[in-house]
């Protein structure tokens, strides 16, 4: 049962990061050129700082917007993979 709890916990953390990325992107679209002055966007940046630091080490030459898209896709694939692993654990 501890494997299932681990998968659920990691999946929950990934889901939080995915929603933070979605929320930041949506808010940037709404804020337009005033995005840098927005306190909520700065909060999103603060919460996403560890994820961005890791991606900076893995992809140093990729630009910011492309890097966010790649991070989102990779985390989504990991989240889906953990969902399949959870399903196989529950089914067995």
N, C-alpha and C. Protein backbone atom coordinates (compact mmCIF):
# COMPACT_ATOMS: atom_id res chain seq x y z
N UNK A 1 0.82 -1.20 0.00
CA UNK A 1 0.00 0.00 0.00
C UNK A 1 0.86 1.26 0.00
N UNK A 2 2.09 1.15 0.46
CA UNK A 2 2.95 2.33 0.49
C UNK A 2 3.34 2.77 -0.91
N UNK A 3 3.44 1.85 -1.88
CA UNK A 3 3.72 2.23 -3.26
C UNK A 3 2.59 3.08 -3.82
N UNK A 4 1.37 2.69 -3.51
CA UNK A 4 0.22 3.44 -3.99
C UNK A 4 0.18 4.84 -3.37
N UNK A 5 0.49 4.94 -2.10
CA UNK A 5 0.51 6.24 -1.43
C UNK A 5 1.60 7.13 -2.02
N UNK A 6 2.75 6.55 -2.34
CA UNK A 6 3.84 7.32 -2.95
C UNK A 6 3.43 7.84 -4.32
N UNK A 7 2.81 6.99 -5.13
CA UNK A 7 2.38 7.41 -6.47
C UNK A 7 1.33 8.50 -6.37
N UNK A 8 0.39 8.36 -5.45
CA UNK A 8 -0.65 9.39 -5.29
C UNK A 8 -0.05 10.71 -4.83
N UNK A 9 0.92 10.68 -3.94
CA UNK A 9 1.55 11.91 -3.45
C UNK A 9 2.34 12.61 -4.56
N UNK A 10 3.14 11.86 -5.30
CA UNK A 10 3.92 12.45 -6.39
C UNK A 10 3.00 12.98 -7.48
N UNK A 11 1.95 12.24 -7.75
CA UNK A 11 0.99 12.68 -8.77
C UNK A 11 0.29 13.98 -8.33
N UNK A 12 -0.01 14.10 -7.06
CA UNK A 12 -0.61 15.33 -6.55
C UNK A 12 0.31 16.52 -6.66
N UNK A 13 1.59 16.33 -6.35
CA UNK A 13 2.56 17.42 -6.51
C UNK A 13 2.72 17.84 -7.96
N UNK A 14 2.75 16.86 -8.85
CA UNK A 14 2.85 17.18 -10.27
C UNK A 14 1.62 17.94 -10.75
N UNK A 15 0.46 17.53 -10.26
CA UNK A 15 -0.77 18.22 -10.64
C UNK A 15 -0.75 19.67 -10.17
N UNK A 16 -0.23 19.91 -8.98
CA UNK A 16 -0.12 21.28 -8.47
C UNK A 16 0.78 22.12 -9.37
N UNK A 17 1.93 21.57 -9.76
CA UNK A 17 2.85 22.31 -10.63
C UNK A 17 2.23 22.56 -11.99
N UNK A 18 1.50 21.56 -12.52
CA UNK A 18 0.83 21.74 -13.81
C UNK A 18 -0.20 22.86 -13.74
N UNK A 19 -0.99 22.90 -12.67
CA UNK A 19 -1.99 23.96 -12.53
C UNK A 19 -1.33 25.32 -12.34
N UNK A 20 -0.19 25.35 -11.66
CA UNK A 20 0.54 26.62 -11.53
C UNK A 20 1.03 27.12 -12.88
N UNK A 21 1.52 26.21 -13.71
CA UNK A 21 1.97 26.60 -15.05
C UNK A 21 0.80 27.10 -15.90
N UNK A 22 -0.33 26.41 -15.82
CA UNK A 22 -1.51 26.83 -16.57
C UNK A 22 -2.00 28.19 -16.08
N UNK A 23 -2.08 28.37 -14.78
CA UNK A 23 -2.55 29.63 -14.22
C UNK A 23 -1.65 30.79 -14.57
N UNK A 24 -0.35 30.57 -14.53
CA UNK A 24 0.59 31.64 -14.87
C UNK A 24 0.46 32.03 -16.34
N UNK A 25 0.34 31.03 -17.21
CA UNK A 25 0.20 31.32 -18.64
C UNK A 25 -1.09 32.07 -18.93
N UNK A 26 -2.18 31.66 -18.30
CA UNK A 26 -3.46 32.34 -18.51
C UNK A 26 -3.41 33.77 -17.99
N UNK A 27 -2.80 33.96 -16.85
CA UNK A 27 -2.71 35.31 -16.28
C UNK A 27 -1.80 36.21 -17.12
N UNK A 28 -0.72 35.64 -17.67
CA UNK A 28 0.13 36.42 -18.54
C UNK A 28 -0.61 36.87 -19.80
N UNK A 29 -1.47 36.00 -20.32
CA UNK A 29 -2.27 36.39 -21.48
C UNK A 29 -3.24 37.51 -21.13
N UNK A 30 -3.82 37.45 -19.95
CA UNK A 30 -4.77 38.48 -19.54
C UNK A 30 -4.08 39.79 -19.17
N UNK A 31 -2.91 39.69 -18.57
CA UNK A 31 -2.23 40.90 -18.09
C UNK A 31 -1.54 41.66 -19.22
N UNK A 32 -1.14 40.95 -20.24
CA UNK A 32 -0.47 41.61 -21.36
C UNK A 32 0.88 42.18 -20.98
N UNK A 33 1.12 43.43 -21.36
CA UNK A 33 2.42 44.03 -21.10
C UNK A 33 2.62 44.41 -19.64
N UNK A 34 1.54 44.38 -18.84
CA UNK A 34 1.63 44.71 -17.42
C UNK A 34 1.90 43.47 -16.56
N UNK A 35 2.26 42.37 -17.19
CA UNK A 35 2.49 41.13 -16.46
C UNK A 35 3.63 41.19 -15.46
N UNK A 36 4.66 41.95 -15.78
CA UNK A 36 5.81 42.02 -14.88
C UNK A 36 5.47 42.74 -13.58
N UNK A 37 4.48 43.61 -13.62
CA UNK A 37 4.09 44.36 -12.43
C UNK A 37 3.04 43.64 -11.58
N UNK A 38 2.52 42.54 -12.08
CA UNK A 38 1.42 41.85 -11.39
C UNK A 38 1.96 41.04 -10.22
N UNK A 39 1.37 41.23 -9.05
CA UNK A 39 1.82 40.53 -7.84
C UNK A 39 1.51 39.04 -7.90
N UNK A 40 0.41 38.68 -8.54
CA UNK A 40 0.04 37.26 -8.62
C UNK A 40 1.01 36.52 -9.53
N UNK A 41 1.42 37.15 -10.63
CA UNK A 41 2.39 36.52 -11.51
C UNK A 41 3.74 36.37 -10.79
N UNK A 42 4.10 37.34 -9.99
CA UNK A 42 5.33 37.20 -9.20
C UNK A 42 5.22 36.06 -8.19
N UNK A 43 4.01 35.85 -7.64
CA UNK A 43 3.80 34.72 -6.73
C UNK A 43 3.95 33.39 -7.48
N UNK A 44 3.36 33.32 -8.69
CA UNK A 44 3.53 32.12 -9.50
C UNK A 44 5.01 31.88 -9.81
N UNK A 45 5.73 32.94 -10.14
CA UNK A 45 7.17 32.81 -10.41
C UNK A 45 7.93 32.30 -9.19
N UNK A 46 7.56 32.78 -8.02
CA UNK A 46 8.21 32.33 -6.78
C UNK A 46 7.93 30.84 -6.54
N UNK A 47 6.69 30.42 -6.75
CA UNK A 47 6.34 29.02 -6.52
C UNK A 47 6.94 28.09 -7.57
N UNK A 48 7.15 28.60 -8.77
CA UNK A 48 7.71 27.79 -9.84
C UNK A 48 9.24 27.89 -9.94
N UNK A 49 9.86 28.62 -9.04
CA UNK A 49 11.31 28.81 -9.09
C UNK A 49 12.09 27.50 -9.04
N UNK A 50 11.75 26.53 -8.17
CA UNK A 50 12.52 25.26 -8.17
C UNK A 50 12.38 24.48 -9.48
N UNK A 51 11.19 24.51 -10.07
CA UNK A 51 10.98 23.80 -11.33
C UNK A 51 11.79 24.47 -12.44
N UNK A 52 11.80 25.78 -12.44
CA UNK A 52 12.55 26.51 -13.47
C UNK A 52 14.05 26.34 -13.28
N UNK A 53 14.52 26.27 -12.04
CA UNK A 53 15.95 26.06 -11.79
C UNK A 53 16.39 24.70 -12.32
N UNK A 54 15.55 23.70 -12.11
CA UNK A 54 15.86 22.36 -12.63
C UNK A 54 15.86 22.36 -14.15
N UNK A 55 14.91 23.05 -14.75
CA UNK A 55 14.85 23.08 -16.22
C UNK A 55 16.00 23.90 -16.80
N UNK A 56 16.47 24.91 -16.08
CA UNK A 56 17.63 25.68 -16.54
C UNK A 56 18.88 24.81 -16.62
N UNK A 57 19.00 23.89 -15.68
CA UNK A 57 20.15 22.99 -15.71
C UNK A 57 20.03 21.95 -16.81
N UNK A 58 18.80 21.49 -17.08
CA UNK A 58 18.60 20.47 -18.10
C UNK A 58 18.60 21.04 -19.52
N UNK A 59 18.08 22.27 -19.67
CA UNK A 59 17.96 22.89 -21.00
C UNK A 59 18.49 24.32 -20.96
N UNK A 60 19.81 24.50 -20.91
CA UNK A 60 20.34 25.86 -20.74
C UNK A 60 20.19 26.76 -21.96
N UNK A 61 20.05 26.20 -23.15
CA UNK A 61 20.02 27.04 -24.35
C UNK A 61 18.61 27.34 -24.85
N UNK A 62 17.60 26.78 -24.23
CA UNK A 62 16.22 26.96 -24.69
C UNK A 62 15.66 28.24 -24.08
N UNK A 63 14.85 28.98 -24.88
CA UNK A 63 14.28 30.24 -24.39
C UNK A 63 13.16 29.99 -23.38
N UNK A 64 12.70 31.04 -22.72
CA UNK A 64 11.75 30.94 -21.62
C UNK A 64 10.40 30.35 -21.97
N UNK A 65 9.75 30.86 -23.00
CA UNK A 65 8.41 30.38 -23.35
C UNK A 65 8.45 28.94 -23.84
N UNK A 66 9.44 28.61 -24.64
CA UNK A 66 9.58 27.24 -25.13
C UNK A 66 9.90 26.31 -23.97
N UNK A 67 10.72 26.79 -23.05
CA UNK A 67 11.09 25.98 -21.89
C UNK A 67 9.87 25.67 -21.03
N UNK A 68 8.98 26.65 -20.84
CA UNK A 68 7.77 26.40 -20.07
C UNK A 68 6.88 25.37 -20.76
N UNK A 69 6.79 25.43 -22.08
CA UNK A 69 5.98 24.46 -22.82
C UNK A 69 6.58 23.05 -22.71
N UNK A 70 7.89 22.97 -22.81
CA UNK A 70 8.55 21.66 -22.69
C UNK A 70 8.38 21.11 -21.28
N UNK A 71 8.52 21.96 -20.27
CA UNK A 71 8.31 21.53 -18.88
C UNK A 71 6.89 21.00 -18.71
N UNK A 72 5.92 21.73 -19.24
CA UNK A 72 4.53 21.33 -19.10
C UNK A 72 4.28 19.97 -19.75
N UNK A 73 4.79 19.78 -20.96
CA UNK A 73 4.57 18.52 -21.66
C UNK A 73 5.24 17.36 -20.93
N UNK A 74 6.48 17.56 -20.48
CA UNK A 74 7.17 16.49 -19.76
C UNK A 74 6.47 16.13 -18.45
N UNK A 75 6.06 17.14 -17.69
CA UNK A 75 5.36 16.86 -16.43
C UNK A 75 4.01 16.21 -16.67
N UNK A 76 3.33 16.60 -17.75
CA UNK A 76 2.05 15.98 -18.08
C UNK A 76 2.24 14.51 -18.45
N UNK A 77 3.29 14.21 -19.20
CA UNK A 77 3.56 12.82 -19.54
C UNK A 77 3.90 11.99 -18.31
N UNK A 78 4.68 12.56 -17.40
CA UNK A 78 5.00 11.85 -16.15
C UNK A 78 3.73 11.65 -15.33
N UNK A 79 2.88 12.67 -15.27
CA UNK A 79 1.62 12.57 -14.54
C UNK A 79 0.73 11.46 -15.12
N UNK A 80 0.64 11.40 -16.45
CA UNK A 80 -0.15 10.35 -17.09
C UNK A 80 0.46 8.97 -16.84
N UNK A 81 1.79 8.87 -16.89
CA UNK A 81 2.45 7.60 -16.60
C UNK A 81 2.20 7.13 -15.18
N UNK A 82 2.23 8.06 -14.25
CA UNK A 82 1.92 7.68 -12.86
C UNK A 82 0.46 7.28 -12.71
N UNK A 83 -0.42 7.86 -13.51
CA UNK A 83 -1.82 7.44 -13.50
C UNK A 83 -1.97 6.01 -13.98
N UNK A 84 -1.23 5.63 -15.01
CA UNK A 84 -1.26 4.25 -15.49
C UNK A 84 -0.68 3.31 -14.43
N UNK A 85 0.41 3.73 -13.79
CA UNK A 85 1.00 2.91 -12.74
C UNK A 85 0.03 2.73 -11.57
N UNK A 86 -0.68 3.78 -11.23
CA UNK A 86 -1.67 3.71 -10.16
C UNK A 86 -2.80 2.74 -10.52
N UNK A 87 -3.23 2.83 -11.78
CA UNK A 87 -4.29 1.93 -12.25
C UNK A 87 -3.86 0.48 -12.20
N UNK A 88 -2.63 0.20 -12.61
CA UNK A 88 -2.15 -1.19 -12.57
C UNK A 88 -1.97 -1.68 -11.13
N UNK A 89 -1.57 -0.79 -10.22
CA UNK A 89 -1.45 -1.20 -8.82
C UNK A 89 -2.81 -1.51 -8.20
N UNK A 90 -3.79 -0.69 -8.53
CA UNK A 90 -5.12 -0.89 -7.96
C UNK A 90 -5.76 -2.14 -8.57
N UNK A 91 -5.55 -2.37 -9.86
CA UNK A 91 -6.16 -3.51 -10.54
C UNK A 91 -5.56 -4.84 -10.11
N UNK A 92 -4.32 -4.83 -9.66
CA UNK A 92 -3.68 -6.11 -9.29
C UNK A 92 -3.95 -6.51 -7.87
